[in-house]
Structure formats: structure tokens, C-alpha cells
Amino acid sequence: MTGSGPHEVLAGVFEEQRERLVAVAFRMLGSRGDAEDAVQEAWIRLARQDAGAIDNLAGWLTTVVGRVCIDVLRSRKTRAELSYDDRLPELVVTVDGGAAPEDDAMLAESVGLALLVVLDTLTPTERLAFVLHDMFAVPFAEIGEIIGRSTDATKMLASRARRKVQGTSVPAEEPRRQRAVVDAFLAAARNGDFEGLVRVLDPDVTWRTYHPQGVMTTVGAGEVAEPVLRGARSMTSVLPVWVNGEPGFVAWGANGKVLGVVACTVVDDRIVELLTVSDRGRLDAMGLPARPE
């Protein structure tokens, strides 16, 4: 019986690391497709190496994936069309079954919308230092080798990133309060209650709608409330969901087709941002839950 060759052994070890590497890249890039591409690039580079000369394969792969992600982030910074305002973040939609969203295993692979916005404000090296250390417990010395900084400098990068990110953390009971605000929003919309809608919207609320023609942005409670009321007339079924850990809902029309997915960012019991996806291609790719009976 012939044993496995060096390439097959290497491929097996790589597959053992793949899930962790994709998780790292996903939190760096906010897109599963981009994360898969970064990990695939690491495999291509590994296949060109003398594996016998690599003492710590897991560490080597993390280094390569980290550097690929930094290159991708720097490329984004130089391309205006890929700014956050124009780029729909990767969305993970899970049914609100009564448990807090952080208890849902599927959301372990997601990046909250609010956190994604904050992460996008970090420099690529800040982002890598924060993600690897705070989310994956990689030692600062190893991260420093990836980004070409001293251990102390890497600690400072992570600390600076952590201060920016800390504002996105919420108390354990906050998801339920946020859900109540979204429930009030839905009730007002379906009842045609303009004043009730305005009460749960921040005066400077921003509503971004992703549709096949592009992105439409509306700002202001009154300006948002009017089209929301018009759109609510088309909704025949609504299912509460969590969208990347944020309260939201999926809406269906009379023909049984999905009208859209809505995510709400709630701060101090008011909705400060709405994100709606009505692009049929994007909706079909999300793997949405079934319409409630």
C-alpha cells in the first residue's frame, strides 16, 4: 500500500487550518468571498514552498493570510468605489428564536454592522493587530513579525484599535431592548402611524437602500418615515431576524416573494440607521429563512 505523498500530507494539514484562516480573513475583510480568496492565495504560496523548512505551519499560514488581507485593505483605501457607503457588507441573517443573537452559532462567523463600520475606520495594521490579538489570541510578538513592527509597537496599535472599537460593545440585555424598538417601528409602519414612526427614529436617521440600480440614501426622521409607510402597504408577512447581530426583519409581498431584508442600528432606544436590501440577486444569495405560515 502506497503512503500519501508530501503534497497530499501538506493539503491535509492546510485543510485542518482552513476554517480558522477563513474566520481570521472574514473578520479582516468583512466579506466571505474575499476571505476565501485570501486563504486560497495562502494555499498557492504554500504549494510553492519547501514545507519541510516551515517550523510552524499554522503560524506561517496566519502570517501569509494576514499580509494578503492588509494588501486587500490598502487596495480598497485607494479605490473610492469600494468605500463603505457603496459596498454592501456581508450579511448573515438568522431567525429571532428568543435567544440573544450572540448565542446563535451562525453569528460566530459574522461581523456586526456597527463593528464593521468601526473596523473600516482602522488602518490595516490596526485592524490586523486587533483582530488577531483580541479575537484569536495571537501573541503580540507573532503579530509584530507579520506587520514588521516591534512587540511594543504592536501592543500600541492594538490598544488604539481597541479604544475605537469599545464603543460598539453593548450590555447583555441590550439586544432585547433593541428588538423592542424595532417591534415598535414595525407596528407603527403597518398601522400607518407617522408620528409613532418618527418617535422611534433618530432625528438624523440614515436609511441606505441597496437595489439593482445602486444605493439610495435618505436622511432625517420625517424623510425616512414617509417612504417607510408607503412600503409597509406592500408587506403581507414579516419575520423578525438578526442581521449580523443587529435587530431587523424580512418582509414578503402578496405574491409570496421576498420584498427585502432590513437591518436596524439602535442607539439609546432610537433607530439611527436603517439598511435595506431589495436587490433580487443579493436576496437570493443570502439563504433567507422561509416565509412564516
C-alpha atoms as a PDB file:
ATOM      1  CA  MET A   1       0.000   0.000   0.000  1.00  0.00           C
ATOM      2  CA  THR A   2       1.447   3.327  -1.067  1.00  0.00           C
ATOM      3  CA  GLY A   3       1.532   6.112   1.528  1.00  0.00           C
ATOM      4  CA  SER A   4       0.432   9.638   0.876  1.00  0.00           C
ATOM      5  CA  GLY A   5       2.912  11.900  -0.889  1.00  0.00           C
ATOM      6  CA  PRO A   6       4.247  15.167   0.564  1.00  0.00           C
ATOM      7  CA  HIS A   7       1.684  17.223  -1.365  1.00  0.00           C
ATOM      8  CA  GLU A   8      -1.243  15.207  -0.007  1.00  0.00           C
ATOM      9  CA  VAL A   9       0.083  15.495   3.550  1.00  0.00           C
ATOM     10  CA  LEU A  10       0.508  19.247   3.117  1.00  0.00           C
ATOM     11  CA  ALA A  11      -3.009  19.565   1.699  1.00  0.00           C
ATOM     12  CA  GLY A  12      -4.407  17.681   4.677  1.00  0.00           C
ATOM     13  CA  VAL A  13      -2.658  19.948   7.172  1.00  0.00           C
ATOM     14  CA  PHE A  14      -3.846  23.006   5.243  1.00  0.00           C
ATOM     15  CA  GLU A  15      -7.466  21.795   5.330  1.00  0.00           C
ATOM     16  CA  GLU A  16      -7.206  21.439   9.122  1.00  0.00           C
ATOM     17  CA  GLN A  17      -6.299  25.139   9.287  1.00  0.00           C
ATOM     18  CA  ARG A  18      -8.707  26.400   6.624  1.00  0.00           C
ATOM     19  CA  GLU A  19     -11.707  27.137   8.872  1.00  0.00           C
ATOM     20  CA  ARG A  20      -9.606  29.197  11.286  1.00  0.00           C
ATOM     21  CA  LEU A  21      -7.893  31.058   8.453  1.00  0.00           C
ATOM     22  CA  VAL A  22     -11.202  31.929   6.791  1.00  0.00           C
ATOM     23  CA  ALA A  23     -12.515  33.204  10.133  1.00  0.00           C
ATOM     24  CA  VAL A  24      -9.470  35.461  10.512  1.00  0.00           C
ATOM     25  CA  ALA A  25      -9.750  36.773   6.954  1.00  0.00           C
ATOM     26  CA  PHE A  26     -13.506  37.288   7.253  1.00  0.00           C
ATOM     27  CA  ARG A  27     -13.094  39.491  10.299  1.00  0.00           C
ATOM     28  CA  MET A  28     -10.378  41.415   8.493  1.00  0.00           C
ATOM     29  CA  LEU A  29     -12.231  41.894   5.212  1.00  0.00           C
ATOM     30  CA  GLY A  30     -15.941  41.681   6.117  1.00  0.00           C
ATOM     31  CA  SER A  31     -16.661  39.504   3.069  1.00  0.00           C
ATOM     32  CA  ARG A  32     -16.725  35.723   2.922  1.00  0.00           C
ATOM     33  CA  GLY A  33     -15.819  35.746  -0.767  1.00  0.00           C
ATOM     34  CA  ASP A  34     -12.771  37.950  -0.158  1.00  0.00           C
ATOM     35  CA  ALA A  35     -11.829  35.804   2.837  1.00  0.00           C
ATOM     36  CA  GLU A  36     -11.947  32.607   0.772  1.00  0.00           C
ATOM     37  CA  ASP A  37      -9.796  34.284  -1.894  1.00  0.00           C
ATOM     38  CA  ALA A  38      -7.203  35.320   0.712  1.00  0.00           C
ATOM     39  CA  VAL A  39      -6.991  31.780   2.081  1.00  0.00           C
ATOM     40  CA  GLN A  40      -6.724  30.334  -1.413  1.00  0.00           C
ATOM     41  CA  GLU A  41      -3.827  32.708  -2.100  1.00  0.00           C
ATOM     42  CA  ALA A  42      -2.139  31.368   1.047  1.00  0.00           C
ATOM     43  CA  TRP A  43      -2.505  27.813  -0.286  1.00  0.00           C
ATOM     44  CA  ILE A  44      -0.975  28.824  -3.638  1.00  0.00           C
ATOM     45  CA  ARG A  45       2.013  30.343  -1.841  1.00  0.00           C
ATOM     46  CA  LEU A  46       2.325  27.314   0.440  1.00  0.00           C
ATOM     47  CA  ALA A  47       2.379  24.960  -2.547  1.00  0.00           C
ATOM     48  CA  ARG A  48       5.451  26.831  -3.830  1.00  0.00           C
ATOM     49  CA  GLN A  49       7.328  26.499  -0.541  1.00  0.00           C
ATOM     50  CA  ASP A  50       9.579  23.787   0.823  1.00  0.00           C
ATOM     51  CA  ALA A  51       7.179  22.690   3.568  1.00  0.00           C
ATOM     52  CA  GLY A  52       9.998  20.947   5.390  1.00  0.00           C
ATOM     53  CA  ALA A  53      11.610  24.315   6.038  1.00  0.00           C
ATOM     54  CA  ILE A  54       8.496  25.678   7.800  1.00  0.00           C
ATOM     55  CA  ASP A  55       8.727  25.045  11.546  1.00  0.00           C
ATOM     56  CA  ASN A  56       5.240  26.316  12.456  1.00  0.00           C
ATOM     57  CA  LEU A  57       2.816  25.801   9.584  1.00  0.00           C
ATOM     58  CA  ALA A  58      -0.185  27.325  11.393  1.00  0.00           C
ATOM     59  CA  GLY A  59       1.823  30.437  12.204  1.00  0.00           C
ATOM     60  CA  TRP A  60       3.203  30.638   8.657  1.00  0.00           C
ATOM     61  CA  LEU A  61      -0.301  30.447   7.173  1.00  0.00           C
ATOM     62  CA  THR A  62      -1.634  33.078   9.584  1.00  0.00           C
ATOM     63  CA  THR A  63       1.228  35.365   8.559  1.00  0.00           C
ATOM     64  CA  VAL A  64       0.515  34.945   4.851  1.00  0.00           C
ATOM     65  CA  VAL A  65      -3.252  35.395   5.239  1.00  0.00           C
ATOM     66  CA  GLY A  66      -2.678  38.460   7.429  1.00  0.00           C
ATOM     67  CA  ARG A  67      -0.398  40.065   4.863  1.00  0.00           C
ATOM     68  CA  VAL A  68      -2.769  39.273   1.995  1.00  0.00           C
ATOM     69  CA  CYS A  69      -5.616  40.887   3.957  1.00  0.00           C
ATOM     70  CA  ILE A  70      -3.532  44.004   4.611  1.00  0.00           C
ATOM     71  CA  ASP A  71      -2.849  44.281   0.870  1.00  0.00           C
ATOM     72  CA  VAL A  72      -6.571  43.960   0.113  1.00  0.00           C
ATOM     73  CA  LEU A  73      -7.499  46.620   2.688  1.00  0.00           C
ATOM     74  CA  ARG A  74      -4.862  49.014   1.365  1.00  0.00           C
ATOM     75  CA  SER A  75      -6.150  48.453  -2.157  1.00  0.00           C
ATOM     76  CA  ARG A  76      -9.668  49.307  -1.001  1.00  0.00           C
ATOM     77  CA  LYS A  77      -8.478  52.570   0.521  1.00  0.00           C
ATOM     78  CA  THR A  78      -7.200  53.687  -2.881  1.00  0.00           C
ATOM     79  CA  ARG A  79     -10.397  52.795  -4.758  1.00  0.00           C
ATOM     80  CA  ALA A  80     -13.244  55.169  -3.999  1.00  0.00           C
ATOM     81  CA  GLU A  81     -15.871  52.864  -5.469  1.00  0.00           C
ATOM     82  CA  LEU A  82     -15.190  50.377  -2.684  1.00  0.00           C
ATOM     83  CA  SER A  83     -15.829  52.782   0.174  1.00  0.00           C
ATOM     84  CA  TYR A  84     -18.216  51.547   2.854  1.00  0.00           C
ATOM     85  CA  ASP A  85     -21.053  53.757   1.582  1.00  0.00           C
ATOM     86  CA  ASP A  86     -21.035  51.923  -1.759  1.00  0.00           C
ATOM     87  CA  ARG A  87     -20.081  48.428  -0.595  1.00  0.00           C
ATOM     88  CA  LEU A  88     -22.722  46.189   0.897  1.00  0.00           C
ATOM     89  CA  PRO A  89     -21.224  44.331   3.862  1.00  0.00           C
ATOM     90  CA  GLU A  90     -21.526  40.566   4.071  1.00  0.00           C
ATOM     91  CA  LEU A  91     -24.872  39.862   5.766  1.00  0.00           C
ATOM     92  CA  VAL A  92     -25.675  36.849   7.938  1.00  0.00           C
ATOM     93  CA  VAL A  93     -29.418  36.578   8.594  1.00  0.00           C
ATOM     94  CA  THR A  94     -30.671  34.363  11.442  1.00  0.00           C
ATOM     95  CA  VAL A  95     -34.167  33.858  12.812  1.00  0.00           C
ATOM     96  CA  ASP A  96     -35.021  35.526  16.120  1.00  0.00           C
ATOM     97  CA  GLY A  97     -35.883  32.452  18.148  1.00  0.00           C
ATOM     98  CA  GLY A  98     -35.905  34.169  21.510  1.00  0.00           C
ATOM     99  CA  ALA A  99     -32.195  33.794  22.290  1.00  0.00           C
ATOM    100  CA  ALA A 100     -29.855  36.744  22.194  1.00  0.00           C
ATOM    101  CA  PRO A 101     -28.076  36.944  18.834  1.00  0.00           C
ATOM    102  CA  GLU A 102     -24.659  36.334  20.356  1.00  0.00           C
ATOM    103  CA  ASP A 103     -25.897  32.860  21.359  1.00  0.00           C
ATOM    104  CA  ASP A 104     -26.526  31.875  17.741  1.00  0.00           C
ATOM    105  CA  ALA A 105     -23.739  29.699  16.384  1.00  0.00           C
ATOM    106  CA  MET A 106     -24.174  31.061  12.870  1.00  0.00           C
ATOM    107  CA  LEU A 107     -23.352  34.558  14.069  1.00  0.00           C
ATOM    108  CA  ALA A 108     -19.972  33.391  15.256  1.00  0.00           C
ATOM    109  CA  GLU A 109     -18.943  33.835  11.626  1.00  0.00           C
ATOM    110  CA  SER A 110     -20.484  37.277  11.215  1.00  0.00           C
ATOM    111  CA  VAL A 111     -19.262  40.785  11.795  1.00  0.00           C
ATOM    112  CA  GLY A 112     -21.846  43.143  13.309  1.00  0.00           C
ATOM    113  CA  LEU A 113     -22.784  46.062  11.089  1.00  0.00           C
ATOM    114  CA  ALA A 114     -21.795  48.602  13.727  1.00  0.00           C
ATOM    115  CA  LEU A 115     -18.484  46.831  14.323  1.00  0.00           C
ATOM    116  CA  LEU A 116     -17.815  46.665  10.589  1.00  0.00           C
ATOM    117  CA  VAL A 117     -18.212  50.425  10.317  1.00  0.00           C
ATOM    118  CA  VAL A 118     -15.730  50.935  13.162  1.00  0.00           C
ATOM    119  CA  LEU A 119     -13.267  48.385  11.783  1.00  0.00           C
ATOM    120  CA  ASP A 120     -13.332  50.218   8.461  1.00  0.00           C
ATOM    121  CA  THR A 121     -12.051  53.339  10.261  1.00  0.00           C
ATOM    122  CA  LEU A 122      -8.934  51.496  11.460  1.00  0.00           C
ATOM    123  CA  THR A 123      -5.715  51.380   9.496  1.00  0.00           C
ATOM    124  CA  PRO A 124      -4.961  47.942   8.011  1.00  0.00           C
ATOM    125  CA  THR A 125      -2.259  47.296  10.630  1.00  0.00           C
ATOM    126  CA  GLU A 126      -4.525  48.411  13.495  1.00  0.00           C
ATOM    127  CA  ARG A 127      -7.221  46.123  12.208  1.00  0.00           C
ATOM    128  CA  LEU A 128      -4.899  43.145  11.933  1.00  0.00           C
ATOM    129  CA  ALA A 129      -3.442  43.709  15.404  1.00  0.00           C
ATOM    130  CA  PHE A 130      -6.928  43.975  16.936  1.00  0.00           C
ATOM    131  CA  VAL A 131      -8.419  41.002  15.087  1.00  0.00           C
ATOM    132  CA  LEU A 132      -5.512  38.628  15.670  1.00  0.00           C
ATOM    133  CA  HIS A 133      -4.921  39.516  19.311  1.00  0.00           C
ATOM    134  CA  ASP A 134      -8.388  40.303  20.676  1.00  0.00           C
ATOM    135  CA  MET A 135     -10.378  37.794  18.605  1.00  0.00           C
ATOM    136  CA  PHE A 136      -7.866  34.993  18.078  1.00  0.00           C
ATOM    137  CA  ALA A 137      -5.389  35.428  20.972  1.00  0.00           C
ATOM    138  CA  VAL A 138      -2.324  35.542  18.736  1.00  0.00           C
ATOM    139  CA  PRO A 139       0.673  36.825  20.775  1.00  0.00           C
ATOM    140  CA  PHE A 140       1.838  40.375  20.053  1.00  0.00           C
ATOM    141  CA  ALA A 141       5.326  39.140  19.153  1.00  0.00           C
ATOM    142  CA  GLU A 142       3.901  36.998  16.334  1.00  0.00           C
ATOM    143  CA  ILE A 143       1.663  39.810  15.091  1.00  0.00           C
ATOM    144  CA  GLY A 144       4.654  42.151  15.105  1.00  0.00           C
ATOM    145  CA  GLU A 145       6.509  39.768  12.783  1.00  0.00           C
ATOM    146  CA  ILE A 146       3.566  39.811  10.367  1.00  0.00           C
ATOM    147  CA  ILE A 147       3.367  43.595  10.141  1.00  0.00           C
ATOM    148  CA  GLY A 148       7.061  44.358  10.600  1.00  0.00           C
ATOM    149  CA  ARG A 149       6.707  46.145  13.950  1.00  0.00           C
ATOM    150  CA  SER A 150       8.206  45.620  17.385  1.00  0.00           C
ATOM    151  CA  THR A 151       6.156  43.873  20.055  1.00  0.00           C
ATOM    152  CA  ASP A 152       5.654  47.140  21.944  1.00  0.00           C
ATOM    153  CA  ALA A 153       4.593  48.992  18.790  1.00  0.00           C
ATOM    154  CA  THR A 154       2.138  46.203  18.006  1.00  0.00           C
ATOM    155  CA  LYS A 155       0.653  46.453  21.510  1.00  0.00           C
ATOM    156  CA  MET A 156       0.125  50.188  20.937  1.00  0.00           C
ATOM    157  CA  LEU A 157      -1.612  49.522  17.604  1.00  0.00           C
ATOM    158  CA  ALA A 158      -3.976  47.004  19.197  1.00  0.00           C
ATOM    159  CA  SER A 159      -4.656  49.327  22.140  1.00  0.00           C
ATOM    160  CA  ARG A 160      -5.501  52.210  19.815  1.00  0.00           C
ATOM    161  CA  ALA A 161      -7.808  49.974  17.775  1.00  0.00           C
ATOM    162  CA  ARG A 162      -9.461  48.648  20.942  1.00  0.00           C
ATOM    163  CA  ARG A 163     -10.313  52.167  22.113  1.00  0.00           C
ATOM    164  CA  LYS A 164     -12.066  52.850  18.805  1.00  0.00           C
ATOM    165  CA  VAL A 165     -13.957  49.567  18.906  1.00  0.00           C
ATOM    166  CA  GLN A 166     -15.045  49.621  22.557  1.00  0.00           C
ATOM    167  CA  GLY A 167     -17.942  51.938  21.792  1.00  0.00           C
ATOM    168  CA  THR A 168     -19.616  49.173  19.775  1.00  0.00           C
ATOM    169  CA  SER A 169     -19.953  46.746  22.703  1.00  0.00           C
ATOM    170  CA  VAL A 170     -23.386  46.505  24.336  1.00  0.00           C
ATOM    171  CA  PRO A 171     -24.688  45.121  27.658  1.00  0.00           C
ATOM    172  CA  ALA A 172     -26.157  41.620  27.634  1.00  0.00           C
ATOM    173  CA  GLU A 173     -29.737  42.910  27.951  1.00  0.00           C
ATOM    174  CA  GLU A 174     -29.375  45.445  25.147  1.00  0.00           C
ATOM    175  CA  PRO A 175     -30.391  43.129  22.243  1.00  0.00           C
ATOM    176  CA  ARG A 176     -33.841  42.648  23.782  1.00  0.00           C
ATOM    177  CA  ARG A 177     -34.281  46.420  24.190  1.00  0.00           C
ATOM    178  CA  GLN A 178     -33.172  46.953  20.607  1.00  0.00           C
ATOM    179  CA  ARG A 179     -35.659  44.345  19.412  1.00  0.00           C
ATOM    180  CA  ALA A 180     -38.457  46.153  21.254  1.00  0.00           C
ATOM    181  CA  VAL A 181     -37.601  49.381  19.414  1.00  0.00           C
ATOM    182  CA  VAL A 182     -37.716  47.588  16.058  1.00  0.00           C
ATOM    183  CA  ASP A 183     -41.035  45.956  17.008  1.00  0.00           C
ATOM    184  CA  ALA A 184     -42.431  49.429  17.753  1.00  0.00           C
ATOM    185  CA  PHE A 185     -41.106  50.640  14.400  1.00  0.00           C
ATOM    186  CA  LEU A 186     -42.817  47.766  12.583  1.00  0.00           C
ATOM    187  CA  ALA A 187     -46.107  48.258  14.424  1.00  0.00           C
ATOM    188  CA  ALA A 188     -46.171  51.962  13.580  1.00  0.00           C
ATOM    189  CA  ALA A 189     -45.316  51.274   9.935  1.00  0.00           C
ATOM    190  CA  ARG A 190     -48.023  48.654   9.485  1.00  0.00           C
ATOM    191  CA  ASN A 191     -50.601  50.812  11.292  1.00  0.00           C
ATOM    192  CA  GLY A 192     -49.827  53.857   9.163  1.00  0.00           C
ATOM    193  CA  ASP A 193     -48.765  55.771  12.300  1.00  0.00           C
ATOM    194  CA  PHE A 194     -46.467  58.540  11.043  1.00  0.00           C
ATOM    195  CA  GLU A 195     -45.962  60.119  14.480  1.00  0.00           C
ATOM    196  CA  GLY A 196     -45.258  56.724  16.032  1.00  0.00           C
ATOM    197  CA  LEU A 197     -42.596  56.088  13.410  1.00  0.00           C
ATOM    198  CA  VAL A 198     -40.929  59.438  13.974  1.00  0.00           C
ATOM    199  CA  ARG A 199     -40.801  58.781  17.730  1.00  0.00           C
ATOM    200  CA  VAL A 200     -38.610  55.677  17.300  1.00  0.00           C
ATOM    201  CA  LEU A 201     -36.372  57.236  14.641  1.00  0.00           C
ATOM    202  CA  ASP A 202     -33.390  59.407  15.476  1.00  0.00           C
ATOM    203  CA  PRO A 203     -33.896  62.913  14.038  1.00  0.00           C
ATOM    204  CA  ASP A 204     -30.813  62.356  11.853  1.00  0.00           C
ATOM    205  CA  VAL A 205     -31.521  58.727  10.980  1.00  0.00           C
ATOM    206  CA  THR A 206     -29.847  57.462   7.795  1.00  0.00           C
ATOM    207  CA  TRP A 207     -31.577  54.939   5.528  1.00  0.00           C
ATOM    208  CA  ARG A 208     -29.485  53.189   2.884  1.00  0.00           C
ATOM    209  CA  THR A 209     -31.288  51.006   0.347  1.00  0.00           C
ATOM    210  CA  TYR A 210     -29.340  48.618  -1.875  1.00  0.00           C
ATOM    211  CA  HIS A 211     -31.311  47.938  -5.069  1.00  0.00           C
ATOM    212  CA  PRO A 212     -30.275  46.716  -8.554  1.00  0.00           C
ATOM    213  CA  GLN A 213     -29.591  50.270  -9.779  1.00  0.00           C
ATOM    214  CA  GLY A 214     -27.294  51.152  -6.885  1.00  0.00           C
ATOM    215  CA  VAL A 215     -27.548  52.685  -3.423  1.00  0.00           C
ATOM    216  CA  MET A 216     -30.145  55.253  -2.363  1.00  0.00           C
ATOM    217  CA  THR A 217     -29.599  57.207   0.867  1.00  0.00           C
ATOM    218  CA  THR A 218     -32.271  59.136   2.778  1.00  0.00           C
ATOM    219  CA  VAL A 219     -31.559  61.212   5.896  1.00  0.00           C
ATOM    220  CA  GLY A 220     -33.961  62.573   8.532  1.00  0.00           C
ATOM    221  CA  ALA A 221     -36.835  61.079  10.551  1.00  0.00           C
ATOM    222  CA  GLY A 222     -39.651  62.662   8.536  1.00  0.00           C
ATOM    223  CA  GLU A 223     -37.959  61.961   5.219  1.00  0.00           C
ATOM    224  CA  VAL A 224     -37.500  58.302   6.156  1.00  0.00           C
ATOM    225  CA  ALA A 225     -40.945  57.802   7.717  1.00  0.00           C
ATOM    226  CA  GLU A 226     -42.933  58.723   4.599  1.00  0.00           C
ATOM    227  CA  PRO A 227     -41.454  56.120   2.207  1.00  0.00           C
ATOM    228  CA  VAL A 228     -41.443  53.526   5.011  1.00  0.00           C
ATOM    229  CA  LEU A 229     -45.206  53.972   5.384  1.00  0.00           C
ATOM    230  CA  ARG A 230     -45.689  53.593   1.636  1.00  0.00           C
ATOM    231  CA  GLY A 231     -43.550  50.468   1.537  1.00  0.00           C
ATOM    232  CA  ALA A 232     -45.322  48.913   4.524  1.00  0.00           C
ATOM    233  CA  ARG A 233     -48.540  48.706   2.498  1.00  0.00           C
ATOM    234  CA  SER A 234     -46.905  46.050   0.311  1.00  0.00           C
ATOM    235  CA  MET A 235     -45.860  43.821   3.220  1.00  0.00           C
ATOM    236  CA  THR A 236     -48.104  40.833   3.857  1.00  0.00           C
ATOM    237  CA  SER A 237     -45.705  38.803   6.040  1.00  0.00           C
ATOM    238  CA  VAL A 238     -42.864  39.867   8.316  1.00  0.00           C
ATOM    239  CA  LEU A 239     -40.333  37.696  10.159  1.00  0.00           C
ATOM    240  CA  PRO A 240     -38.120  39.164  12.924  1.00  0.00           C
ATOM    241  CA  VAL A 241     -34.466  38.272  12.331  1.00  0.00           C
ATOM    242  CA  TRP A 242     -30.977  39.273  13.395  1.00  0.00           C
ATOM    243  CA  VAL A 243     -28.782  40.704  10.638  1.00  0.00           C
ATOM    244  CA  ASN A 244     -25.124  40.435  11.673  1.00  0.00           C
ATOM    245  CA  GLY A 245     -26.246  40.709  15.277  1.00  0.00           C
ATOM    246  CA  GLU A 246     -28.472  43.745  14.666  1.00  0.00           C
ATOM    247  CA  PRO A 247     -32.284  43.526  15.017  1.00  0.00           C
ATOM    248  CA  GLY A 248     -34.122  43.520  11.727  1.00  0.00           C
ATOM    249  CA  PHE A 249     -36.764  41.733   9.686  1.00  0.00           C
ATOM    250  CA  VAL A 250     -37.514  40.049   6.378  1.00  0.00           C
ATOM    251  CA  ALA A 251     -40.656  41.195   4.531  1.00  0.00           C
ATOM    252  CA  TRP A 252     -42.709  39.320   1.930  1.00  0.00           C
ATOM    253  CA  GLY A 253     -45.313  40.634  -0.507  1.00  0.00           C
ATOM    254  CA  ALA A 254     -48.692  39.296  -1.620  1.00  0.00           C
ATOM    255  CA  ASN A 255     -47.114  37.122  -4.324  1.00  0.00           C
ATOM    256  CA  GLY A 256     -45.035  35.308  -1.712  1.00  0.00           C
ATOM    257  CA  LYS A 257     -41.745  36.818  -2.914  1.00  0.00           C
ATOM    258  CA  VAL A 258     -39.290  38.495  -0.562  1.00  0.00           C
ATOM    259  CA  LEU A 259     -39.559  42.266  -0.715  1.00  0.00           C
ATOM    260  CA  GLY A 260     -36.399  42.892   1.241  1.00  0.00           C
ATOM    261  CA  VAL A 261     -34.214  42.474   4.304  1.00  0.00           C
ATOM    262  CA  VAL A 262     -33.967  45.327   6.790  1.00  0.00           C
ATOM    263  CA  ALA A 263     -31.311  45.806   9.482  1.00  0.00           C
ATOM    264  CA  CYS A 264     -31.679  48.468  12.187  1.00  0.00           C
ATOM    265  CA  THR A 265     -28.923  50.036  14.256  1.00  0.00           C
ATOM    266  CA  VAL A 266     -30.435  51.150  17.584  1.00  0.00           C
ATOM    267  CA  VAL A 267     -28.749  53.611  19.948  1.00  0.00           C
ATOM    268  CA  ASP A 268     -30.429  54.952  23.114  1.00  0.00           C
ATOM    269  CA  ASP A 269     -33.783  53.419  22.147  1.00  0.00           C
ATOM    270  CA  ARG A 270     -33.916  55.084  18.737  1.00  0.00           C
ATOM    271  CA  ILE A 271     -33.073  53.800  15.289  1.00  0.00           C
ATOM    272  CA  VAL A 272     -30.074  55.733  13.992  1.00  0.00           C
ATOM    273  CA  GLU A 273     -29.546  53.729  10.811  1.00  0.00           C
ATOM    274  CA  LEU A 274     -31.590  51.513   8.518  1.00  0.00           C
ATOM    275  CA  LEU A 275     -30.056  49.256   5.902  1.00  0.00           C
ATOM    276  CA  THR A 276     -32.395  47.683   3.353  1.00  0.00           C
ATOM    277  CA  VAL A 277     -31.549  45.155   0.655  1.00  0.00           C
ATOM    278  CA  SER A 278     -34.109  44.803  -2.144  1.00  0.00           C
ATOM    279  CA  ASP A 279     -31.750  43.647  -4.887  1.00  0.00           C
ATOM    280  CA  ARG A 280     -33.151  40.279  -6.020  1.00  0.00           C
ATOM    281  CA  GLY A 281     -29.721  38.834  -6.810  1.00  0.00           C
ATOM    282  CA  ARG A 282     -28.372  39.718  -3.373  1.00  0.00           C
ATOM    283  CA  LEU A 283     -31.506  38.418  -1.645  1.00  0.00           C
ATOM    284  CA  ASP A 284     -31.345  35.077  -3.471  1.00  0.00           C
ATOM    285  CA  ALA A 285     -27.719  34.636  -2.376  1.00  0.00           C
ATOM    286  CA  MET A 286     -28.446  35.194   1.328  1.00  0.00           C
ATOM    287  CA  GLY A 287     -30.103  31.870   2.101  1.00  0.00           C
ATOM    288  CA  LEU A 288     -33.039  33.584   3.799  1.00  0.00           C
ATOM    289  CA  PRO A 289     -35.441  31.734   6.132  1.00  0.00           C
ATOM    290  CA  ALA A 290     -38.817  30.576   4.855  1.00  0.00           C
ATOM    291  CA  ARG A 291     -41.841  32.850   4.957  1.00  0.00           C
ATOM    292  CA  PRO A 292     -43.903  32.325   8.143  1.00  0.00           C
ATOM    293  CA  GLU A 293     -47.182  30.489   7.594  1.00  0.00           C
END
